[in-house]
Amino acid sequence: MRKLSAVAVALLLILGVSGVARADVGTIDAVPAATLLLPYFEVDLSNPSGKTTLMSINNASASAALARVTIWTDLGVPTLSFNVYLTGYDVQTINVRDILNGTLPTTASAGQDPSDTISNQGSYSQDINFASCGSLPYVALDPPLVADLQAAHTGLAAGTLLAGKCGGLAIGDGLARGYVTVDTVVSCATGDPSTMGYFSSTTSTQNILWGDYFYVDPANNYAQGDTLVHIEASTTAPETSTAGGYTFYGRYVAWDASDHRESLPSSFAARYLNGGAFTGGTTLTAWRDNKTNQAAFTCGTSPSWYPLGQEGIAIFDEQENVYMPPIPPFFPPPVFPALLPFPASASKVAVNSSDFPVPYSFGWLYLNLNSTLAGNANPPSDPAASQAWVTVIHSANGRFSTGYAALPLDNARNASHTVPGSY
């Protein structure tokens, strides 16, 4: 496989696995899965040595496999899909910057790589031919497509790719944002999870993928990583096979459970520290389900569901004092503004910024991110349920940084709609 720099490889090797854990469909745990989620990425397109996001895709099985990677904007519009071939026990590292610059992972099954020089076969690894993978290995993307891809992920009009429309938020800071999904598939077919027929003809339910990711900011002496979100599949478990219930890709299959992927949580607990400008603090990243098959939209407008709300947030200090910001609409005006800290499908917010003010220096957050959308975009079993994923990053201005997933308090399949106290 193509290798990254020594620093990138070292970072990607820090997080590993000591064995294969027992699967428990309906409980999000770090075990081999059929779908992986990188819940948020950002890349500084103006600085080749600036912020970027690294990830890995790993095969926990001796059998060769195919994975289909889809890149999404921060408002949930798919922009690019490609295949990654994995020999048994294989690992493919990816720098998201490379993807946005038009360089896709170099892999090939035995049929395209008879001399075994592209995708190496280890002594315990299977290497087979996928006849459908005639496009592998990839060549560099055409420059006009690269320009469109970068525009789409910075909230600008994307010519041919999005027919001159927009797909993300135009924040204006030069950072490309979005999220990534990776699915086990049976062929090098085209399409992505939003494409009709993708789950009936392309995906598999092989729970064999695992991976990790890192946010890297060399200028600020900062790196933070975690495991990718591992989403298991099953055709027999009630949590993933009952029509009308919440599944991970339910929004693309009219909630009929034909994607067979378990849903994520909707409520979380997260520690925070508000250390001020000189000592750092806490940043939260969040992936949220917009429950919509979102297409590109006219620039200058926004999708009908944006911004995403929530059922409630409770902000505790370490002496159990609590502040609960109001949810709009509200009256009279509160001391602290109403919070909508995670309005997009993929977003990042600093605790105690103008987007997420807190009245305490240390404590924890209760985040109930359930949200009901207008129309028929909601799962019939619980229209107010809304899956999400939250990651916590603590930093101290170049001296240290650490990150981990917020504690899930439920699963959107059986969502909790409570918040401590009352409004």
Protein backbone atom coordinates (compact mmCIF):
# COMPACT_ATOMS: atom_id res chain seq x y z
CA MET A 1 0.00 0.00 0.00
CA ARG A 2 1.05 3.61 -0.47
CA LYS A 3 2.71 4.94 2.63
CA LEU A 4 2.38 8.34 4.31
CA SER A 5 5.24 10.26 5.89
CA ALA A 6 7.01 8.71 8.86
CA VAL A 7 5.20 11.08 11.25
CA ALA A 8 1.81 10.22 9.80
CA VAL A 9 2.52 6.49 9.95
CA ALA A 10 3.66 6.79 13.56
CA LEU A 11 0.46 8.57 14.50
CA LEU A 12 -1.71 6.02 12.74
CA LEU A 13 0.04 3.16 14.54
CA ILE A 14 -0.53 4.57 18.02
CA LEU A 15 -4.11 3.29 18.22
CA GLY A 16 -4.33 -0.47 17.65
CA VAL A 17 -6.36 -3.50 18.65
CA SER A 18 -5.39 -6.29 21.00
CA GLY A 19 -7.99 -8.74 19.73
CA VAL A 20 -11.43 -9.11 18.23
CA ALA A 21 -14.10 -8.15 20.71
CA ARG A 22 -17.48 -9.77 20.98
CA ALA A 23 -20.05 -8.02 18.80
CA ASP A 24 -23.21 -6.62 20.36
CA VAL A 25 -25.53 -5.24 17.70
CA GLY A 26 -27.35 -2.16 18.97
CA THR A 27 -24.49 -1.12 21.25
CA ILE A 28 -21.85 1.08 19.66
CA ASP A 29 -18.53 -0.49 20.52
CA ALA A 30 -15.10 -0.65 18.91
CA VAL A 31 -15.39 -4.06 17.23
CA PRO A 32 -15.00 -4.95 13.54
CA ALA A 33 -17.95 -3.54 11.66
CA ALA A 34 -19.58 -3.23 8.23
CA THR A 35 -19.50 0.59 8.23
CA LEU A 36 -16.98 3.05 9.62
CA LEU A 37 -17.69 6.72 10.26
CA LEU A 38 -15.14 9.52 10.44
CA PRO A 39 -17.54 11.95 12.13
CA TYR A 40 -15.74 15.17 11.21
CA PHE A 41 -12.71 16.24 9.20
CA GLU A 42 -11.04 19.50 8.39
CA VAL A 43 -8.19 20.31 6.02
CA ASP A 44 -6.43 23.65 5.53
CA LEU A 45 -6.36 23.89 1.74
CA SER A 46 -4.25 27.06 1.74
CA ASN A 47 -1.31 25.52 3.62
CA PRO A 48 0.18 22.15 2.58
CA SER A 49 1.70 21.86 6.05
CA GLY A 50 -1.42 23.05 7.87
CA LYS A 51 -4.32 21.28 9.52
CA THR A 52 -5.31 17.93 8.11
CA THR A 53 -7.11 14.73 9.08
CA LEU A 54 -5.61 11.24 8.85
CA MET A 55 -7.55 7.98 8.93
CA SER A 56 -6.97 4.28 8.43
CA ILE A 57 -9.11 1.45 7.09
CA ASN A 58 -8.14 -1.99 8.36
CA ASN A 59 -9.28 -5.51 7.53
CA ALA A 60 -9.70 -7.71 10.61
CA SER A 61 -10.21 -10.80 8.46
CA ALA A 62 -7.83 -13.10 6.57
CA SER A 63 -10.23 -12.86 3.62
CA ALA A 64 -9.69 -10.15 1.02
CA ALA A 65 -12.37 -7.47 0.96
CA LEU A 66 -13.61 -4.33 -0.74
CA ALA A 67 -14.56 -1.11 1.01
CA ARG A 68 -16.38 1.83 -0.54
CA VAL A 69 -15.41 5.23 0.81
CA THR A 70 -17.77 8.22 0.50
CA ILE A 71 -16.78 11.80 1.23
CA TRP A 72 -19.61 14.09 2.43
CA THR A 73 -19.81 17.83 3.00
CA ASP A 74 -20.58 19.29 6.42
CA LEU A 75 -24.23 19.52 5.34
CA GLY A 76 -24.43 15.89 4.25
CA VAL A 77 -24.05 16.16 0.47
CA PRO A 78 -22.00 13.30 -1.05
CA THR A 79 -19.22 14.55 -3.30
CA LEU A 80 -16.94 11.60 -4.09
CA SER A 81 -16.96 7.81 -3.71
CA PHE A 82 -14.15 5.38 -4.43
CA ASN A 83 -13.17 1.78 -3.71
CA VAL A 84 -10.37 0.45 -1.57
CA TYR A 85 -9.21 -3.15 -2.02
CA LEU A 86 -7.86 -4.83 1.11
CA THR A 87 -5.98 -8.11 1.22
CA GLY A 88 -6.41 -10.16 4.39
CA TYR A 89 -5.29 -8.27 7.52
CA ASP A 90 -4.55 -5.25 5.33
CA VAL A 91 -4.33 -1.60 6.37
CA GLN A 92 -4.81 1.45 4.16
CA THR A 93 -3.83 4.86 5.53
CA ILE A 94 -5.45 7.96 4.07
CA ASN A 95 -4.66 11.64 4.41
CA VAL A 96 -7.90 13.48 3.63
CA ARG A 97 -5.78 16.28 2.16
CA ASP A 98 -4.65 13.83 -0.54
CA ILE A 99 -8.26 13.04 -1.45
CA LEU A 100 -9.17 16.72 -1.72
CA ASN A 101 -6.08 17.22 -3.90
CA GLY A 102 -7.21 14.43 -6.24
CA THR A 103 -4.96 11.56 -5.15
CA LEU A 104 -6.95 8.43 -4.27
CA PRO A 105 -5.57 5.37 -2.43
CA THR A 106 -3.51 3.09 -4.68
CA THR A 107 -4.90 -0.44 -4.31
CA ALA A 108 -5.69 -3.30 -6.71
CA SER A 109 -7.05 -6.82 -6.45
CA ALA A 110 -5.15 -9.81 -7.85
CA GLY A 111 -6.70 -9.35 -11.29
CA GLN A 112 -5.25 -5.85 -11.71
CA ASP A 113 -2.08 -6.65 -9.74
CA PRO A 114 -0.83 -10.08 -10.87
CA SER A 115 2.76 -9.33 -9.83
CA ASP A 116 1.60 -8.35 -6.32
CA THR A 117 3.37 -5.00 -6.36
CA ILE A 118 0.43 -2.70 -5.49
CA SER A 119 -1.53 -4.50 -2.76
CA ASN A 120 0.88 -6.85 -0.99
CA GLN A 121 -0.28 -10.28 0.08
CA GLY A 122 1.11 -11.40 3.42
CA SER A 123 1.81 -15.01 4.35
CA TYR A 124 -1.53 -15.29 6.18
CA SER A 125 -3.55 -13.06 3.83
CA GLN A 126 -5.93 -13.85 1.01
CA ASP A 127 -5.53 -11.99 -2.30
CA ILE A 128 -8.30 -12.56 -4.85
CA ASN A 129 -9.61 -11.06 -8.07
CA PHE A 130 -12.60 -8.73 -8.11
CA ALA A 131 -13.41 -8.64 -11.82
CA SER A 132 -15.55 -5.54 -11.32
CA CYS A 133 -12.52 -3.50 -10.19
CA GLY A 134 -11.18 -2.61 -13.61
CA SER A 135 -10.80 1.01 -12.50
CA LEU A 136 -8.14 0.06 -9.94
CA PRO A 137 -5.53 1.35 -9.37
CA TYR A 138 -6.82 4.91 -9.71
CA VAL A 139 -5.15 7.71 -11.58
CA ALA A 140 -5.15 11.29 -10.28
CA LEU A 141 -8.47 13.12 -10.56
CA ASP A 142 -8.81 15.72 -13.28
CA PRO A 143 -7.96 19.28 -12.10
CA PRO A 144 -11.51 20.62 -12.77
CA LEU A 145 -12.97 17.88 -10.55
CA VAL A 146 -10.41 18.64 -7.84
CA ALA A 147 -11.37 22.33 -7.96
CA ASP A 148 -15.05 21.40 -7.69
CA LEU A 149 -14.35 19.03 -4.81
CA GLN A 150 -12.51 21.70 -2.85
CA ALA A 151 -15.22 24.25 -3.58
CA ALA A 152 -17.96 21.90 -2.39
CA HIS A 153 -16.20 21.35 0.94
CA THR A 154 -15.64 25.05 1.57
CA GLY A 155 -19.24 26.07 0.85
CA LEU A 156 -18.65 27.47 -2.63
CA ALA A 157 -20.36 26.76 -5.94
CA ALA A 158 -19.08 23.50 -7.43
CA GLY A 159 -19.32 23.62 -11.24
CA THR A 160 -19.82 20.23 -12.86
CA LEU A 161 -19.71 18.23 -9.63
CA LEU A 162 -22.78 19.91 -8.12
CA ALA A 163 -24.14 21.62 -11.25
CA GLY A 164 -23.02 25.02 -10.02
CA LYS A 165 -24.77 24.61 -6.67
CA CYS A 166 -23.43 24.47 -3.13
CA GLY A 167 -23.12 21.56 -0.73
CA GLY A 168 -21.71 22.98 2.48
CA LEU A 169 -21.38 25.95 4.79
CA ALA A 170 -19.45 28.96 3.44
CA ILE A 171 -17.53 29.80 6.62
CA GLY A 172 -14.79 31.58 4.72
CA ASP A 173 -11.73 30.44 6.66
CA GLY A 174 -10.20 28.25 3.94
CA LEU A 175 -10.86 25.00 5.81
CA ALA A 176 -12.50 22.13 3.95
CA ARG A 177 -14.96 20.29 6.20
CA GLY A 178 -17.11 17.21 6.11
CA TYR A 179 -17.27 13.59 7.18
CA VAL A 180 -16.47 10.17 5.71
CA THR A 181 -18.26 6.82 5.62
CA VAL A 182 -16.70 3.46 4.68
CA ASP A 183 -18.86 0.43 3.82
CA THR A 184 -18.06 -3.19 3.08
CA VAL A 185 -19.14 -3.94 -0.51
CA VAL A 186 -19.22 -6.95 -2.84
CA SER A 187 -18.10 -5.23 -6.04
CA CYS A 188 -16.44 -2.10 -7.40
CA ALA A 189 -19.83 -0.70 -8.36
CA THR A 190 -20.46 3.03 -8.58
CA GLY A 191 -22.79 4.95 -6.29
CA ASP A 192 -22.90 5.88 -2.63
CA PRO A 193 -25.33 5.36 0.28
CA SER A 194 -27.67 8.04 -1.11
CA THR A 195 -27.97 6.17 -4.44
CA MET A 196 -31.02 3.98 -5.06
CA GLY A 197 -30.13 0.29 -5.01
CA TYR A 198 -26.84 0.76 -3.17
CA PHE A 199 -27.84 -1.47 -0.25
CA SER A 200 -29.60 -4.12 -2.32
CA SER A 201 -26.82 -4.62 -4.87
CA THR A 202 -23.53 -3.19 -3.57
CA THR A 203 -23.05 -3.43 0.19
CA SER A 204 -22.43 -6.48 2.34
CA THR A 205 -22.98 -7.10 6.04
CA GLN A 206 -19.42 -8.33 6.69
CA ASN A 207 -18.33 -6.99 10.07
CA ILE A 208 -14.61 -6.95 9.27
CA LEU A 209 -13.55 -3.28 9.10
CA TRP A 210 -11.88 -1.28 11.85
CA GLY A 211 -9.97 1.98 11.88
CA ASP A 212 -8.81 5.12 13.60
CA TYR A 213 -8.27 8.79 12.83
CA PHE A 214 -6.19 11.79 13.83
CA TYR A 215 -6.57 15.54 13.63
CA VAL A 216 -3.13 17.05 13.05
CA ASP A 217 -2.22 20.74 13.38
CA PRO A 218 1.59 21.08 13.06
CA ALA A 219 1.63 24.86 13.46
CA ASN A 220 0.08 24.61 16.92
CA ASN A 221 1.94 21.47 18.02
CA TYR A 222 -1.34 19.59 18.19
CA ALA A 223 -2.59 16.12 17.34
CA GLN A 224 -5.56 14.20 18.67
CA GLY A 225 -7.02 10.85 17.67
CA ASP A 226 -9.59 8.21 18.41
CA THR A 227 -11.06 5.09 16.88
CA LEU A 228 -13.47 5.59 14.01
CA VAL A 229 -17.12 4.97 14.83
CA HIS A 230 -17.73 1.26 14.23
CA ILE A 231 -21.24 0.47 12.99
CA GLU A 232 -22.18 -3.20 12.84
CA ALA A 233 -24.58 -4.82 10.41
CA SER A 234 -26.93 -7.76 10.76
CA THR A 235 -29.76 -9.13 8.65
CA THR A 236 -31.32 -10.97 11.59
CA ALA A 237 -31.01 -8.74 14.67
CA PRO A 238 -34.30 -6.93 15.39
CA GLU A 239 -32.38 -3.66 15.85
CA THR A 240 -31.23 -3.76 12.22
CA SER A 241 -33.97 -5.64 10.39
CA THR A 242 -37.30 -4.22 11.59
CA ALA A 243 -38.94 -1.79 9.18
CA GLY A 244 -39.84 1.57 10.67
CA GLY A 245 -37.05 1.47 13.22
CA TYR A 246 -33.94 3.62 13.32
CA THR A 247 -30.94 2.36 11.34
CA PHE A 248 -27.78 4.26 10.51
CA TYR A 249 -28.63 4.81 6.83
CA GLY A 250 -32.39 4.78 7.38
CA ARG A 251 -32.84 8.18 5.75
CA TYR A 252 -31.74 6.69 2.39
CA VAL A 253 -33.98 3.60 2.46
CA ALA A 254 -37.27 5.15 3.66
CA TRP A 255 -36.65 3.64 7.11
CA ASP A 256 -37.26 0.08 5.88
CA ALA A 257 -34.06 -1.23 7.58
CA SER A 258 -32.65 -2.59 4.31
CA ASP A 259 -29.27 -1.02 5.11
CA HIS A 260 -29.08 -3.36 8.16
CA ARG A 261 -26.75 -0.99 10.06
CA GLU A 262 -27.20 -0.26 13.76
CA SER A 263 -28.09 3.28 14.78
CA LEU A 264 -25.93 5.61 16.85
CA PRO A 265 -26.79 7.27 20.19
CA SER A 266 -28.74 10.51 20.52
CA SER A 267 -27.71 11.71 24.02
CA PHE A 268 -24.22 12.11 25.46
CA ALA A 269 -22.24 13.14 28.52
CA ALA A 270 -19.01 15.09 28.02
CA ARG A 271 -16.49 16.71 30.37
CA TYR A 272 -15.31 20.26 29.65
CA LEU A 273 -12.70 22.67 30.93
CA ASN A 274 -12.85 26.39 30.29
CA GLY A 275 -9.27 27.49 30.82
CA GLY A 276 -9.31 30.80 28.97
CA ALA A 277 -7.18 32.05 26.11
CA PHE A 278 -3.80 31.26 27.68
CA THR A 279 -4.39 27.76 28.97
CA GLY A 280 -6.59 26.20 26.28
CA GLY A 281 -9.90 24.47 26.83
CA THR A 282 -12.35 22.01 25.32
CA THR A 283 -13.56 21.64 21.75
CA LEU A 284 -16.37 19.35 20.67
CA THR A 285 -16.86 17.82 17.25
CA ALA A 286 -20.20 16.33 16.30
CA TRP A 287 -21.71 14.29 13.52
CA ARG A 288 -25.49 14.56 13.34
CA ASP A 289 -28.14 12.84 11.25
CA ASN A 290 -30.06 15.38 9.18
CA LYS A 291 -32.52 12.55 8.38
CA THR A 292 -32.62 13.76 4.77
CA ASN A 293 -31.24 12.58 1.43
CA GLN A 294 -29.62 15.96 1.02
CA ALA A 295 -28.85 17.17 -2.50
CA ALA A 296 -26.87 20.22 -3.56
CA PHE A 297 -28.77 23.48 -3.08
CA THR A 298 -28.77 26.98 -4.52
CA CYS A 299 -25.84 28.96 -3.17
CA GLY A 300 -26.90 31.65 -0.71
CA THR A 301 -29.67 29.43 0.68
CA SER A 302 -29.55 26.55 3.12
CA PRO A 303 -31.34 23.18 3.47
CA SER A 304 -34.79 23.23 5.05
CA TRP A 305 -33.57 21.34 8.12
CA TYR A 306 -30.66 23.70 8.84
CA PRO A 307 -29.87 24.52 11.61
CA LEU A 308 -30.44 21.31 13.55
CA GLY A 309 -31.86 21.85 17.03
CA GLN A 310 -31.88 19.61 20.07
CA GLU A 311 -34.22 18.66 22.89
CA GLY A 312 -32.01 20.07 25.59
CA ILE A 313 -28.57 20.80 27.01
CA ALA A 314 -27.62 20.88 30.68
CA ILE A 315 -24.33 22.49 31.77
CA PHE A 316 -23.04 21.28 35.15
CA ASP A 317 -20.12 22.52 37.21
CA GLU A 318 -18.18 20.24 39.57
CA GLN A 319 -20.44 21.07 42.56
CA GLU A 320 -23.54 19.88 40.66
CA ASN A 321 -24.80 23.39 39.99
CA VAL A 322 -26.54 23.40 36.65
CA TYR A 323 -27.46 25.90 33.97
CA MET A 324 -29.88 24.91 31.23
CA PRO A 325 -29.93 27.29 28.28
CA PRO A 326 -33.37 27.74 26.73
CA ILE A 327 -34.40 26.22 23.44
CA PRO A 328 -35.88 28.65 20.91
CA PRO A 329 -38.52 29.93 20.74
CA PHE A 330 -38.40 31.32 24.24
CA PHE A 331 -39.64 34.24 26.36
CA PRO A 332 -38.43 36.26 28.17
CA PRO A 333 -34.85 36.53 26.83
CA PRO A 334 -32.39 34.52 28.96
CA VAL A 335 -29.18 35.65 30.59
CA PHE A 336 -27.26 33.31 28.30
CA PRO A 337 -28.38 32.91 24.68
CA ALA A 338 -30.19 29.87 23.39
CA LEU A 339 -27.70 27.30 22.15
CA LEU A 340 -27.60 25.56 18.80
CA PRO A 341 -23.97 24.46 19.03
CA PHE A 342 -24.14 21.65 16.45
CA PRO A 343 -26.27 22.99 13.60
CA ALA A 344 -24.72 21.00 10.73
CA SER A 345 -24.23 17.35 9.80
CA ALA A 346 -20.57 17.71 10.80
CA SER A 347 -19.40 20.56 12.99
CA LYS A 348 -16.84 21.71 15.53
CA VAL A 349 -17.37 24.15 18.40
CA ALA A 350 -15.18 25.48 21.21
CA VAL A 351 -16.75 25.36 24.65
CA ASN A 352 -17.18 28.90 26.04
CA SER A 353 -16.98 30.45 22.58
CA SER A 354 -19.75 32.72 21.34
CA ASP A 355 -21.40 29.60 19.88
CA PHE A 356 -21.30 27.70 23.16
CA PRO A 357 -20.96 29.98 26.23
CA VAL A 358 -20.81 28.30 29.64
CA PRO A 359 -21.04 29.94 33.08
CA TYR A 360 -18.53 27.64 34.82
CA SER A 361 -14.81 26.88 34.55
CA PHE A 362 -15.02 23.08 34.85
CA GLY A 363 -17.78 20.54 34.70
CA TRP A 364 -19.72 18.29 32.35
CA LEU A 365 -22.37 18.58 29.68
CA TYR A 366 -25.57 16.64 29.20
CA LEU A 367 -26.31 16.75 25.47
CA ASN A 368 -29.72 15.53 24.28
CA LEU A 369 -29.41 15.96 20.50
CA ASN A 370 -32.76 14.51 19.49
CA SER A 371 -34.57 16.67 16.96
CA THR A 372 -37.81 16.36 14.99
CA LEU A 373 -37.70 17.50 11.36
CA ALA A 374 -40.67 18.78 9.41
CA GLY A 375 -42.34 16.45 6.93
CA ASN A 376 -41.68 12.74 6.53
CA ALA A 377 -37.95 12.75 7.30
CA ASN A 378 -38.30 11.01 10.66
CA PRO A 379 -38.24 7.30 11.57
CA PRO A 380 -41.82 6.09 12.14
CA SER A 381 -40.91 4.30 15.37
CA ASP A 382 -39.85 7.56 17.05
CA PRO A 383 -40.08 10.74 14.93
CA ALA A 384 -38.19 12.79 17.53
CA ALA A 385 -35.17 10.47 17.63
CA SER A 386 -32.01 11.77 15.96
CA GLN A 387 -28.70 9.87 16.04
CA ALA A 388 -25.38 11.63 16.50
CA TRP A 389 -21.77 11.20 17.59
CA VAL A 390 -19.78 13.60 19.78
CA THR A 391 -16.03 13.73 20.35
CA VAL A 392 -14.29 15.66 23.14
CA ILE A 393 -10.92 17.36 22.62
CA HIS A 394 -9.01 18.93 25.53
CA SER A 395 -5.95 21.02 24.74
CA ALA A 396 -3.49 23.40 26.39
CA ASN A 397 -2.10 25.59 23.62
CA GLY A 398 0.61 23.32 22.28
CA ARG A 399 1.57 21.70 25.59
CA PHE A 400 -0.81 18.75 25.32
CA SER A 401 -4.00 17.60 23.66
CA THR A 402 -6.19 14.57 24.18
CA GLY A 403 -9.39 13.39 22.63
CA TYR A 404 -12.01 10.70 23.11
CA ALA A 405 -15.61 9.93 22.33
CA ALA A 406 -18.27 11.46 24.58
CA LEU A 407 -20.13 8.93 26.71
CA PRO A 408 -23.26 7.61 24.92
CA LEU A 409 -26.34 7.61 27.14
CA ASP A 410 -28.74 5.77 24.85
CA ASN A 411 -29.25 4.54 21.30
CA ALA A 412 -31.48 6.31 18.78
CA ARG A 413 -33.32 3.02 18.33
CA ASN A 414 -34.55 3.52 21.90
CA ALA A 415 -33.84 7.20 22.33
CA SER A 416 -33.96 8.92 25.69
CA HIS A 417 -35.92 12.17 25.55
CA THR A 418 -35.07 13.45 29.01
CA VAL A 419 -32.84 16.25 30.28
CA PRO A 420 -31.90 16.73 33.95
CA GLY A 421 -34.35 19.16 35.56
CA SER A 422 -36.93 20.97 33.45
CA TYR A 423 -37.22 24.13 31.39
